[in-house]
């Protein structure tokens, strides 16, 4: 049985299964998003959102 890994979207704060995520890499770190909309928001201001996820 595969282990379910939970991740949190840095933009909206939603927690969900990693397998369901949309991803983007910024400064060698992989970020997980619940949808393309949150990913687009992150890409516009990555410094702002990457700080919130640390």
N, C-alpha and C. Protein backbone atom coordinates (compact mmCIF):
# COMPACT_ATOMS: atom_id res chain seq x y z
N UNK A 1 0.84 -1.19 0.00
CA UNK A 1 0.00 0.00 0.00
C UNK A 1 0.89 1.25 0.00
N UNK A 2 0.56 2.17 -0.86
CA UNK A 2 1.33 3.41 -0.98
C UNK A 2 0.99 4.37 0.16
N UNK A 3 2.03 4.97 0.71
CA UNK A 3 1.84 5.94 1.79
C UNK A 3 1.35 7.27 1.20
N UNK A 4 0.34 7.85 1.81
CA UNK A 4 -0.19 9.14 1.37
C UNK A 4 0.61 10.25 2.04
N UNK A 5 1.15 11.12 1.22
CA UNK A 5 1.94 12.25 1.72
C UNK A 5 1.11 13.51 1.58
N UNK A 6 0.93 14.22 2.68
CA UNK A 6 0.17 15.47 2.67
C UNK A 6 1.12 16.65 2.44
N UNK A 7 0.69 17.59 1.62
CA UNK A 7 1.43 18.83 1.38
C UNK A 7 0.48 20.00 1.56
N UNK A 8 1.05 21.19 1.73
CA UNK A 8 0.24 22.39 1.92
C UNK A 8 0.56 23.40 0.83
N UNK A 9 -0.47 23.91 0.20
CA UNK A 9 -0.32 24.94 -0.82
C UNK A 9 0.14 26.23 -0.14
N UNK A 10 1.29 26.81 -0.56
CA UNK A 10 1.80 28.01 0.10
C UNK A 10 0.95 29.26 -0.15
N UNK A 11 0.10 29.22 -1.17
CA UNK A 11 -0.72 30.39 -1.51
C UNK A 11 -2.03 30.40 -0.72
N UNK A 12 -2.79 29.32 -0.79
CA UNK A 12 -4.11 29.30 -0.15
C UNK A 12 -4.13 28.56 1.19
N UNK A 13 -3.07 27.80 1.48
CA UNK A 13 -3.00 27.09 2.76
C UNK A 13 -3.72 25.76 2.79
N UNK A 14 -4.30 25.33 1.68
CA UNK A 14 -5.02 24.07 1.62
C UNK A 14 -4.05 22.89 1.77
N UNK A 15 -4.42 21.91 2.59
CA UNK A 15 -3.63 20.69 2.74
C UNK A 15 -4.28 19.60 1.90
N UNK A 16 -3.48 18.85 1.15
CA UNK A 16 -4.01 17.83 0.25
C UNK A 16 -2.95 16.78 -0.04
N UNK A 17 -3.34 15.71 -0.73
CA UNK A 17 -2.42 14.63 -1.09
C UNK A 17 -1.43 15.11 -2.15
N UNK A 18 -0.17 14.78 -1.93
CA UNK A 18 0.90 15.19 -2.86
C UNK A 18 0.62 14.72 -4.29
N UNK A 19 0.05 13.54 -4.45
CA UNK A 19 -0.24 12.99 -5.77
C UNK A 19 -1.21 13.85 -6.58
N UNK A 20 -2.00 14.67 -5.91
CA UNK A 20 -3.00 15.49 -6.58
C UNK A 20 -2.49 16.90 -6.90
N UNK A 21 -1.24 17.17 -6.59
CA UNK A 21 -0.75 18.54 -6.68
C UNK A 21 -0.21 18.93 -8.05
N UNK A 22 -0.21 20.23 -8.28
CA UNK A 22 0.45 20.87 -9.41
C UNK A 22 1.76 21.38 -8.81
N UNK A 23 2.89 21.18 -9.49
CA UNK A 23 4.17 21.56 -8.89
C UNK A 23 4.90 22.64 -9.68
N UNK A 24 5.81 23.29 -8.98
CA UNK A 24 6.68 24.30 -9.58
C UNK A 24 7.96 24.34 -8.75
N UNK A 25 9.09 24.45 -9.43
CA UNK A 25 10.37 24.52 -8.72
C UNK A 25 10.87 25.96 -8.71
N UNK A 26 11.29 26.40 -7.52
CA UNK A 26 11.82 27.75 -7.34
C UNK A 26 13.03 27.65 -6.42
N UNK A 27 14.16 28.14 -6.88
CA UNK A 27 15.41 28.09 -6.12
C UNK A 27 15.70 26.68 -5.59
N UNK A 28 15.61 25.72 -6.48
CA UNK A 28 15.91 24.30 -6.21
C UNK A 28 14.98 23.65 -5.19
N UNK A 29 13.83 24.26 -4.91
CA UNK A 29 12.85 23.66 -4.01
C UNK A 29 11.55 23.45 -4.77
N UNK A 30 10.94 22.30 -4.57
CA UNK A 30 9.68 21.96 -5.24
C UNK A 30 8.51 22.42 -4.38
N UNK A 31 7.61 23.20 -4.97
CA UNK A 31 6.41 23.67 -4.29
C UNK A 31 5.20 22.97 -4.88
N UNK A 32 4.22 22.68 -4.03
CA UNK A 32 3.01 21.97 -4.43
C UNK A 32 1.81 22.90 -4.30
N UNK A 33 0.94 22.85 -5.31
CA UNK A 33 -0.24 23.72 -5.36
C UNK A 33 -1.49 22.89 -5.61
N UNK A 34 -2.60 23.38 -5.09
CA UNK A 34 -3.87 22.66 -5.26
C UNK A 34 -4.43 22.82 -6.67
N UNK A 35 -4.02 23.90 -7.37
CA UNK A 35 -4.54 24.15 -8.71
C UNK A 35 -3.59 25.07 -9.49
N UNK A 36 -3.84 25.19 -10.78
CA UNK A 36 -3.02 26.07 -11.62
C UNK A 36 -3.15 27.53 -11.21
N UNK A 37 -4.31 27.91 -10.68
CA UNK A 37 -4.52 29.30 -10.25
C UNK A 37 -3.55 29.70 -9.15
N UNK A 38 -3.39 28.84 -8.15
CA UNK A 38 -2.45 29.12 -7.06
C UNK A 38 -1.02 29.12 -7.57
N UNK A 39 -0.72 28.22 -8.49
CA UNK A 39 0.63 28.18 -9.08
C UNK A 39 0.93 29.49 -9.80
N UNK A 40 -0.03 30.01 -10.55
CA UNK A 40 0.17 31.27 -11.28
C UNK A 40 0.38 32.44 -10.32
N UNK A 41 -0.35 32.47 -9.23
CA UNK A 41 -0.18 33.52 -8.21
C UNK A 41 1.22 33.44 -7.63
N UNK A 42 1.68 32.23 -7.33
CA UNK A 42 3.02 32.02 -6.78
C UNK A 42 4.09 32.52 -7.76
N UNK A 43 3.95 32.17 -9.02
CA UNK A 43 4.95 32.53 -10.04
C UNK A 43 5.07 34.04 -10.20
N UNK A 44 3.98 34.79 -10.00
CA UNK A 44 4.03 36.25 -10.11
C UNK A 44 4.87 36.88 -9.01
N UNK A 45 4.84 36.32 -7.79
CA UNK A 45 5.59 36.86 -6.65
C UNK A 45 6.18 35.71 -5.82
N UNK A 46 7.13 34.98 -6.39
CA UNK A 46 7.65 33.80 -5.68
C UNK A 46 8.34 34.11 -4.36
N UNK A 47 8.99 35.25 -4.24
CA UNK A 47 9.65 35.60 -2.97
C UNK A 47 8.64 35.68 -1.83
N UNK A 48 7.52 36.33 -2.10
CA UNK A 48 6.47 36.49 -1.09
C UNK A 48 5.95 35.13 -0.62
N UNK A 49 5.61 34.26 -1.55
CA UNK A 49 4.98 32.99 -1.20
C UNK A 49 5.97 31.95 -0.70
N UNK A 50 7.20 31.99 -1.18
CA UNK A 50 8.18 31.00 -0.70
C UNK A 50 8.55 31.26 0.75
N UNK A 51 8.53 32.51 1.18
CA UNK A 51 8.80 32.85 2.58
C UNK A 51 7.70 32.31 3.49
N UNK A 52 6.46 32.32 3.01
CA UNK A 52 5.33 31.84 3.82
C UNK A 52 5.37 30.33 4.02
N UNK A 53 6.01 29.62 3.12
CA UNK A 53 6.02 28.16 3.23
C UNK A 53 7.18 27.64 4.07
N UNK A 54 8.09 28.50 4.48
CA UNK A 54 9.25 28.06 5.29
C UNK A 54 8.93 28.07 6.76
